[in-house]
N, C-alpha and C. Protein backbone atom coordinates (compact mmCIF):
# COMPACT_ATOMS: atom_id res chain seq x y z
N MET A 1 -7.81 -8.84 22.97
CA MET A 1 -7.44 -7.76 22.57
C MET A 1 -6.99 -7.37 24.27
N PRO A 2 -5.69 -6.36 25.01
CA PRO A 2 -5.71 -5.56 25.82
C PRO A 2 -6.63 -5.06 26.30
N GLU A 3 -6.84 -4.89 27.57
CA GLU A 3 -8.12 -3.77 28.08
C GLU A 3 -7.64 -2.50 27.77
N ASN A 4 -6.18 -2.10 27.64
CA ASN A 4 -5.95 -1.04 27.48
C ASN A 4 -5.44 -0.28 26.47
N LEU A 5 -6.60 1.20 26.79
CA LEU A 5 -6.53 2.07 25.20
C LEU A 5 -5.34 2.21 24.90
N LEU A 6 -4.46 2.85 25.49
CA LEU A 6 -2.98 3.05 25.09
C LEU A 6 -2.14 2.34 24.68
N ALA A 7 -2.09 0.64 24.52
CA ALA A 7 -1.55 -0.06 23.85
C ALA A 7 -1.33 -0.07 22.60
N PRO A 8 -2.52 0.34 21.47
CA PRO A 8 -2.19 0.12 19.90
C PRO A 8 -1.21 1.43 19.99
N GLY A 9 -1.25 2.67 20.26
CA GLY A 9 -0.19 4.17 20.17
C GLY A 9 0.72 3.42 20.71
N ALA A 10 1.30 2.54 21.84
CA ALA A 10 2.47 2.38 21.91
C ALA A 10 3.05 1.53 20.82
N VAL A 11 2.60 0.71 20.29
CA VAL A 11 2.58 -0.72 19.06
C VAL A 11 3.03 0.40 17.57
N LEU A 12 1.53 1.53 17.57
CA LEU A 12 2.34 2.21 16.70
C LEU A 12 3.20 3.46 16.68
N ALA A 13 3.98 3.68 17.47
CA ALA A 13 4.65 4.29 18.62
C ALA A 13 6.11 3.25 18.01
N LEU A 14 6.27 1.72 18.00
CA LEU A 14 7.51 0.74 18.19
C LEU A 14 7.45 0.67 16.35
N TRP A 15 5.97 0.78 15.50
CA TRP A 15 6.03 0.36 14.62
C TRP A 15 6.54 1.52 13.79
N THR A 16 6.67 2.77 14.28
CA THR A 16 7.06 4.59 13.72
C THR A 16 9.04 4.20 13.67
N LEU A 17 8.94 4.01 15.14
CA LEU A 17 10.85 3.60 15.16
C LEU A 17 11.04 2.35 14.43
N VAL A 18 10.47 0.82 13.77
CA VAL A 18 10.50 0.70 13.14
C VAL A 18 10.89 -0.09 11.06
N MET A 19 9.30 1.45 11.09
CA MET A 19 10.26 2.11 9.49
C MET A 19 11.17 3.01 8.85
N LEU A 20 12.27 3.58 10.74
CA LEU A 20 12.85 4.61 10.85
C LEU A 20 14.18 3.55 10.63
N GLY A 21 14.12 2.34 11.24
CA GLY A 21 14.81 1.34 10.84
C GLY A 21 15.23 0.89 9.34
N TRP A 22 13.87 0.84 9.02
CA TRP A 22 13.74 0.17 7.81
C TRP A 22 14.54 0.95 6.52
N LEU A 23 14.24 1.89 6.95
CA LEU A 23 14.67 3.48 5.85
C LEU A 23 15.95 3.56 6.25
N ALA A 24 16.70 3.69 7.51
CA ALA A 24 18.45 3.90 7.43
C ALA A 24 18.28 2.91 6.57
N VAL A 25 18.00 1.71 6.42
CA VAL A 25 19.12 0.68 5.59
C VAL A 25 19.02 0.75 4.75
N SER A 26 17.82 0.92 4.51
CA SER A 26 17.17 0.72 2.64
C SER A 26 17.80 1.77 1.92
N ARG A 27 17.40 3.18 2.90
CA ARG A 27 18.51 4.92 1.96
C ARG A 27 20.24 4.44 1.80
N GLY A 28 20.77 3.66 3.19
CA GLY A 28 22.20 3.93 3.12
C GLY A 28 22.74 2.76 2.33
N ALA A 29 21.82 1.46 2.12
CA ALA A 29 22.28 0.93 0.69
C ALA A 29 21.97 1.54 -0.41
N ALA A 30 21.11 2.08 -0.85
CA ALA A 30 20.84 2.96 -2.70
C ALA A 30 21.85 3.51 -2.54
N VAL A 31 22.30 4.76 -1.49
CA VAL A 31 23.18 5.61 -1.75
C VAL A 31 24.65 5.27 -1.86
N LYS A 32 24.33 3.99 -1.16
CA LYS A 32 26.30 3.22 -1.29
C LYS A 32 26.17 2.64 -2.64
N LYS A 33 24.51 2.25 -3.81
CA LYS A 33 24.85 1.80 -4.98
C LYS A 33 24.86 2.44 -5.45
N ALA A 34 24.44 3.86 -5.53
CA ALA A 34 24.66 5.12 -6.21
C ALA A 34 25.74 5.87 -6.49
N GLY A 35 26.56 5.17 -5.07
CA GLY A 35 28.29 5.80 -5.53
C GLY A 35 27.96 7.47 -4.72
N ILE A 36 27.03 7.37 -3.76
CA ILE A 36 27.00 8.82 -3.69
C ILE A 36 28.18 9.09 -2.00
N ASP A 37 29.35 10.04 -1.92
CA ASP A 37 29.54 10.58 -0.64
C ASP A 37 29.10 11.46 0.09
N ILE A 38 28.08 10.69 0.73
CA ILE A 38 27.32 11.67 1.37
C ILE A 38 28.20 12.82 2.71
N SER A 39 29.39 12.56 2.62
CA SER A 39 30.47 13.73 3.15
C SER A 39 30.94 14.39 2.43
N LYS A 40 30.74 14.62 1.04
CA LYS A 40 30.53 15.77 0.67
C LYS A 40 30.16 16.96 0.43
N ALA A 41 28.08 16.31 1.02
CA ALA A 41 27.47 16.75 0.79
C ALA A 41 27.07 18.44 1.54
N GLN A 42 26.55 19.35 0.14
CA GLN A 42 26.59 20.59 1.42
C GLN A 42 26.07 21.00 2.90
N PRO A 43 26.72 21.91 3.32
CA PRO A 43 26.11 21.86 4.78
C PRO A 43 24.61 21.97 4.73
N GLY A 44 23.55 21.88 5.42
CA GLY A 44 22.23 22.27 5.71
C GLY A 44 22.04 21.11 4.97
N GLY A 45 22.42 19.82 4.16
CA GLY A 45 21.43 19.28 3.54
C GLY A 45 20.93 18.06 4.54
N ARG A 46 19.57 17.63 3.15
CA ARG A 46 18.65 17.02 3.80
C ARG A 46 18.44 15.58 3.38
N GLY A 47 17.65 14.49 3.82
CA GLY A 47 17.46 13.22 3.67
C GLY A 47 16.75 13.48 2.32
N ALA A 48 15.88 14.23 2.38
CA ALA A 48 14.99 14.72 1.22
C ALA A 48 15.71 15.25 -0.26
N ASP A 49 16.96 15.72 -0.44
CA ASP A 49 18.00 16.36 -1.32
C ASP A 49 18.43 15.10 -1.89
N LEU A 50 18.61 13.57 -1.36
CA LEU A 50 19.24 12.72 -1.76
C LEU A 50 17.61 11.78 -3.27
N GLU A 51 16.81 12.57 -2.88
CA GLU A 51 15.83 11.46 -3.10
C GLU A 51 16.24 11.86 -5.18
N PRO A 52 16.58 13.27 -5.65
CA PRO A 52 16.15 12.86 -7.20
C PRO A 52 17.56 11.80 -7.69
N ALA A 53 18.37 11.42 -6.72
CA ALA A 53 19.83 10.65 -7.18
C ALA A 53 19.17 9.04 -7.24
N LEU A 54 18.30 8.54 -5.83
CA LEU A 54 17.87 7.49 -5.78
C LEU A 54 16.65 6.72 -6.28
N PRO A 55 16.49 5.57 -6.42
CA PRO A 55 15.04 4.70 -6.66
C PRO A 55 14.44 5.00 -5.86
N PRO A 56 13.00 5.21 -7.01
CA PRO A 56 12.34 5.78 -6.29
C PRO A 56 12.11 4.80 -4.85
N SER A 57 12.32 3.67 -5.33
CA SER A 57 11.48 2.77 -4.36
C SER A 57 12.23 2.44 -2.92
N ALA A 58 13.44 3.04 -3.38
CA ALA A 58 14.72 3.60 -1.89
C ALA A 58 14.13 4.59 -1.25
N ASN A 59 13.02 5.53 -2.01
CA ASN A 59 12.62 7.27 -1.38
C ASN A 59 11.25 6.71 -0.35
N TRP A 60 10.34 5.20 -0.60
CA TRP A 60 9.26 5.24 -0.32
C TRP A 60 9.19 4.67 1.35
N LYS A 61 10.04 4.37 1.60
CA LYS A 61 10.30 4.34 2.29
C LYS A 61 10.03 5.32 3.83
N SER A 62 11.30 6.18 3.95
CA SER A 62 11.44 7.67 3.98
C SER A 62 10.04 8.06 3.98
N HIS A 63 9.48 8.16 2.58
CA HIS A 63 7.87 9.00 2.49
C HIS A 63 6.65 8.66 3.46
N ASN A 64 7.13 7.13 3.84
CA ASN A 64 6.40 6.56 4.34
C ASN A 64 6.60 6.60 6.36
N TYR A 65 7.58 7.09 6.60
CA TYR A 65 8.27 6.93 7.61
C TYR A 65 7.76 9.07 8.24
N THR A 66 7.84 9.86 7.43
CA THR A 66 7.07 11.03 7.30
C THR A 66 5.65 11.04 7.37
N HIS A 67 4.76 9.74 7.15
CA HIS A 67 3.45 10.30 6.91
C HIS A 67 3.07 8.70 8.42
N LEU A 68 4.07 8.82 8.78
CA LEU A 68 3.91 8.28 10.64
C LEU A 68 4.04 9.59 11.34
N LEU A 69 4.86 10.49 10.77
CA LEU A 69 4.42 11.27 11.67
C LEU A 69 3.27 12.58 11.35
N GLU A 70 2.85 12.54 10.64
CA GLU A 70 1.96 13.27 10.59
C GLU A 70 0.35 13.00 11.10
N GLN A 71 -0.28 11.87 10.54
CA GLN A 71 -1.85 11.65 10.59
C GLN A 71 -2.26 11.16 12.17
N PRO A 72 -1.25 10.49 12.12
CA PRO A 72 -1.44 9.52 13.58
C PRO A 72 -1.15 10.47 14.75
N THR A 73 -0.41 11.42 14.85
CA THR A 73 -0.22 12.61 16.07
C THR A 73 -1.70 12.42 16.17
N LEU A 74 -2.71 12.91 15.52
CA LEU A 74 -3.74 13.21 15.83
C LEU A 74 -4.25 11.81 16.93
N PHE A 75 -4.01 10.66 15.92
CA PHE A 75 -4.46 9.26 16.95
C PHE A 75 -3.79 8.69 17.83
N TYR A 76 -2.51 9.56 18.38
CA TYR A 76 -2.15 9.47 19.77
C TYR A 76 -3.36 10.51 21.05
N ALA A 77 -3.40 11.94 20.41
CA ALA A 77 -3.73 13.08 21.32
C ALA A 77 -5.66 11.75 21.35
N VAL A 78 -6.09 11.57 20.44
CA VAL A 78 -7.33 10.64 20.04
C VAL A 78 -8.00 10.01 21.18
N ILE A 79 -6.52 8.94 21.27
CA ILE A 79 -6.73 8.30 22.49
C ILE A 79 -5.87 8.23 23.92
N VAL A 80 -5.82 9.23 24.16
CA VAL A 80 -5.56 10.07 25.18
C VAL A 80 -6.27 10.83 25.78
N PHE A 81 -6.74 11.22 25.09
CA PHE A 81 -8.49 11.97 25.72
C PHE A 81 -9.38 10.96 26.20
N LEU A 82 -9.78 9.86 24.57
CA LEU A 82 -10.57 9.22 25.67
C LEU A 82 -10.03 8.20 26.40
N HIS A 83 -9.21 7.84 26.94
CA HIS A 83 -8.54 6.83 27.67
C HIS A 83 -8.25 8.03 29.25
N LEU A 84 -8.21 9.66 28.82
CA LEU A 84 -8.55 10.00 30.17
C LEU A 84 -9.74 10.46 30.69
N SER A 85 -10.22 10.30 29.79
CA SER A 85 -12.10 10.87 29.56
C SER A 85 -13.18 9.48 29.95
N GLY A 86 -12.31 8.35 30.43
CA GLY A 86 -13.39 7.19 31.05
C GLY A 86 -13.70 6.59 28.58
N GLY A 87 -13.48 6.99 28.01
CA GLY A 87 -14.12 6.47 27.37
C GLY A 87 -13.50 5.09 26.49
N SER A 88 -12.81 4.23 27.15
CA SER A 88 -11.75 3.43 26.59
C SER A 88 -13.08 2.12 26.78
N THR A 89 -13.81 1.69 25.50
CA THR A 89 -14.65 0.88 25.08
C THR A 89 -14.58 -0.34 24.58
N ASP A 90 -15.09 -1.09 24.49
CA ASP A 90 -14.42 -2.95 23.48
C ASP A 90 -14.31 -1.97 22.14
N LEU A 91 -15.35 -0.71 21.99
CA LEU A 91 -16.10 -0.49 20.70
C LEU A 91 -14.54 0.46 20.32
N THR A 92 -13.72 1.42 21.09
CA THR A 92 -13.06 2.47 20.81
C THR A 92 -11.53 1.50 20.45
N ARG A 93 -11.04 0.10 21.68
CA ARG A 93 -9.81 -0.55 21.80
C ARG A 93 -10.06 -0.64 19.94
N GLY A 94 -11.24 -1.44 19.47
CA GLY A 94 -11.24 -2.10 18.73
C GLY A 94 -10.73 -1.25 17.41
N LEU A 95 -11.45 -0.05 17.38
CA LEU A 95 -11.51 1.07 16.08
C LEU A 95 -9.42 1.48 16.17
N ALA A 96 -9.37 1.54 17.35
CA ALA A 96 -7.81 1.96 17.60
C ALA A 96 -6.68 0.92 16.91
N TRP A 97 -7.17 -0.62 17.62
CA TRP A 97 -6.65 -1.57 17.14
C TRP A 97 -6.60 -1.55 15.39
N ALA A 98 -7.97 -1.34 14.64
CA ALA A 98 -8.35 -1.59 13.58
C ALA A 98 -7.21 -0.37 12.81
N TYR A 99 -7.27 0.92 13.67
CA TYR A 99 -5.75 1.99 12.99
C TYR A 99 -5.12 1.71 13.07
N VAL A 100 -3.71 0.66 13.81
CA VAL A 100 -3.18 0.47 14.00
C VAL A 100 -2.77 -0.07 12.92
N ILE A 101 -3.68 -1.40 13.15
CA ILE A 101 -3.12 -2.63 11.72
C ILE A 101 -3.20 -2.00 10.43
N LEU A 102 -3.99 -0.94 10.36
CA LEU A 102 -4.47 -0.51 8.74
C LEU A 102 -2.96 0.10 8.22
N ARG A 103 -2.57 0.97 9.64
CA ARG A 103 -1.18 1.88 9.20
C ARG A 103 -0.37 0.83 9.13
N ILE A 104 -0.07 -0.04 9.59
CA ILE A 104 1.03 -0.95 9.23
C ILE A 104 0.98 -1.47 7.98
N VAL A 105 -0.62 -2.20 7.79
CA VAL A 105 0.17 -2.94 6.75
C VAL A 105 0.42 -1.67 5.19
N HIS A 106 -0.59 -0.18 5.88
CA HIS A 106 -0.39 0.79 4.66
C HIS A 106 0.80 1.22 5.01
N SER A 107 1.67 1.21 5.47
CA SER A 107 3.30 0.95 5.10
C SER A 107 3.90 -0.01 4.64
N ILE A 108 3.82 -1.24 5.23
CA ILE A 108 4.39 -2.28 4.16
C ILE A 108 3.72 -1.89 2.72
N TRP A 109 2.73 -1.65 2.32
CA TRP A 109 2.36 -1.93 1.01
C TRP A 109 3.02 -0.72 0.41
N GLN A 110 3.05 0.79 0.96
CA GLN A 110 3.62 1.73 0.07
C GLN A 110 5.46 1.43 0.48
N ALA A 111 6.23 0.66 1.28
CA ALA A 111 8.05 0.74 1.45
C ALA A 111 8.03 -0.48 0.37
N THR A 112 6.32 -1.29 -0.34
CA THR A 112 7.22 -2.53 -1.36
C THR A 112 6.60 -2.18 -2.57
N VAL A 113 5.10 -1.92 -2.55
CA VAL A 113 4.48 -2.23 -3.68
C VAL A 113 4.37 -0.82 -3.77
N ASN A 114 3.52 0.16 -3.07
CA ASN A 114 3.08 1.65 -3.58
C ASN A 114 2.49 1.58 -4.55
N ARG A 115 1.40 0.72 -4.72
CA ARG A 115 0.48 1.19 -5.96
C ARG A 115 -0.74 1.89 -5.12
N LEU A 116 -1.03 3.34 -5.51
CA LEU A 116 -1.44 4.22 -4.82
C LEU A 116 -3.20 4.10 -4.62
N PRO A 117 -4.18 3.49 -5.88
CA PRO A 117 -5.24 3.36 -5.29
C PRO A 117 -5.57 2.53 -4.04
N VAL A 118 -4.31 1.15 -4.16
CA VAL A 118 -4.90 0.41 -2.64
C VAL A 118 -4.89 1.33 -1.71
N ARG A 119 -2.91 1.87 -1.89
CA ARG A 119 -2.74 2.30 -0.91
C ARG A 119 -3.31 3.30 -0.30
N PHE A 120 -4.43 3.91 -1.03
CA PHE A 120 -5.29 4.98 -0.79
C PHE A 120 -6.49 4.02 -0.50
N ALA A 121 -6.75 3.10 -0.37
CA ALA A 121 -7.48 3.16 0.41
C ALA A 121 -7.80 2.06 1.46
N ILE A 122 -6.64 1.82 1.90
CA ILE A 122 -5.55 1.63 3.10
C ILE A 122 -5.72 2.64 3.64
N PHE A 123 -5.19 3.98 3.59
CA PHE A 123 -5.45 5.11 4.18
C PHE A 123 -6.41 5.81 4.51
N MET A 124 -7.91 5.38 3.23
CA MET A 124 -9.21 6.11 3.52
C MET A 124 -9.97 5.24 5.00
N ALA A 125 -9.52 3.95 4.92
CA ALA A 125 -10.57 3.40 5.58
C ALA A 125 -9.56 3.26 7.28
N SER A 126 -7.97 3.69 7.30
CA SER A 126 -7.30 4.40 8.74
C SER A 126 -8.14 5.45 9.29
N THR A 127 -8.47 6.52 7.93
CA THR A 127 -8.85 7.80 8.41
C THR A 127 -10.36 7.71 8.73
N VAL A 128 -11.29 6.91 8.69
CA VAL A 128 -12.58 6.48 8.67
C VAL A 128 -12.50 6.26 10.27
N CYS A 129 -11.23 4.69 11.23
CA CYS A 129 -11.17 4.44 12.04
C CYS A 129 -10.84 5.92 13.17
N LEU A 130 -9.99 6.33 12.34
CA LEU A 130 -9.59 7.95 13.37
C LEU A 130 -10.44 8.73 13.33
N ILE A 131 -11.37 8.77 12.74
CA ILE A 131 -12.76 10.03 12.53
C ILE A 131 -14.18 9.59 13.55
N VAL A 132 -14.14 8.72 14.03
CA VAL A 132 -14.81 7.19 14.41
C VAL A 132 -14.39 7.92 16.30
N LEU A 133 -12.68 7.61 16.11
CA LEU A 133 -12.54 8.07 17.47
C LEU A 133 -12.84 9.21 17.93
N ALA A 134 -12.37 9.90 17.07
CA ALA A 134 -12.53 11.33 17.24
C ALA A 134 -13.91 11.53 17.55
N VAL A 135 -14.84 11.69 16.81
CA VAL A 135 -15.88 11.50 17.67
C VAL A 135 -16.27 11.11 18.80
N LEU A 136 -16.23 10.05 18.93
CA LEU A 136 -16.08 9.42 20.03
C LEU A 136 -15.44 10.26 21.36
N ALA A 137 -14.06 10.79 21.19
CA ALA A 137 -13.06 11.33 21.58
C ALA A 137 -13.95 12.46 22.35
N VAL A 138 -14.79 12.97 22.05
CA VAL A 138 -15.32 14.33 21.49
C VAL A 138 -16.90 13.94 22.72
N ILE A 139 -17.59 13.37 22.18
CA ILE A 139 -18.61 13.03 23.50
C ILE A 139 -18.20 12.24 24.96
N ALA A 140 -16.80 11.60 24.59
CA ALA A 140 -16.45 11.12 26.13
C ALA A 140 -16.02 12.48 27.03
N THR A 141 -15.51 13.76 26.36
CA THR A 141 -14.73 14.31 26.84
C THR A 141 -16.16 15.22 27.43
N LEU A 142 -16.87 15.68 26.50
CA LEU A 142 -18.51 16.52 26.99
C LEU A 142 -19.24 15.90 27.71
N GLY A 143 -19.12 14.22 27.70
CA GLY A 143 -19.84 13.72 28.75
C GLY A 143 -19.52 13.41 30.54
């Protein structure tokens, strides 16, 4: 495991971009298959406007990409707080890597199988990692 606490954040940022690529390819293929001409879309339209016309599995990647831009923003801040305050320990690095691995597993699950009970369990496990990291960040920055 790398000694740098910021490495998991860099990996998660790269994974988010991988999901963006997967989303673009998947949604592009679904739009083409559905016979939708996006050049005729109303001005100001968004990708979400296409959702009703596409199969759910084509939208799952988009939903996950959105999720990767929500809670993980807290993760990025927390690991920076820990890094800057000297809170990089084996425990915090392990939790950070666990968070990233769980988010990647969550992405793959949501983008392919997307059964809610399992997805929720993966999400909660990653959230527990983030909560512990946040508490340790508060301790490190106050100490």
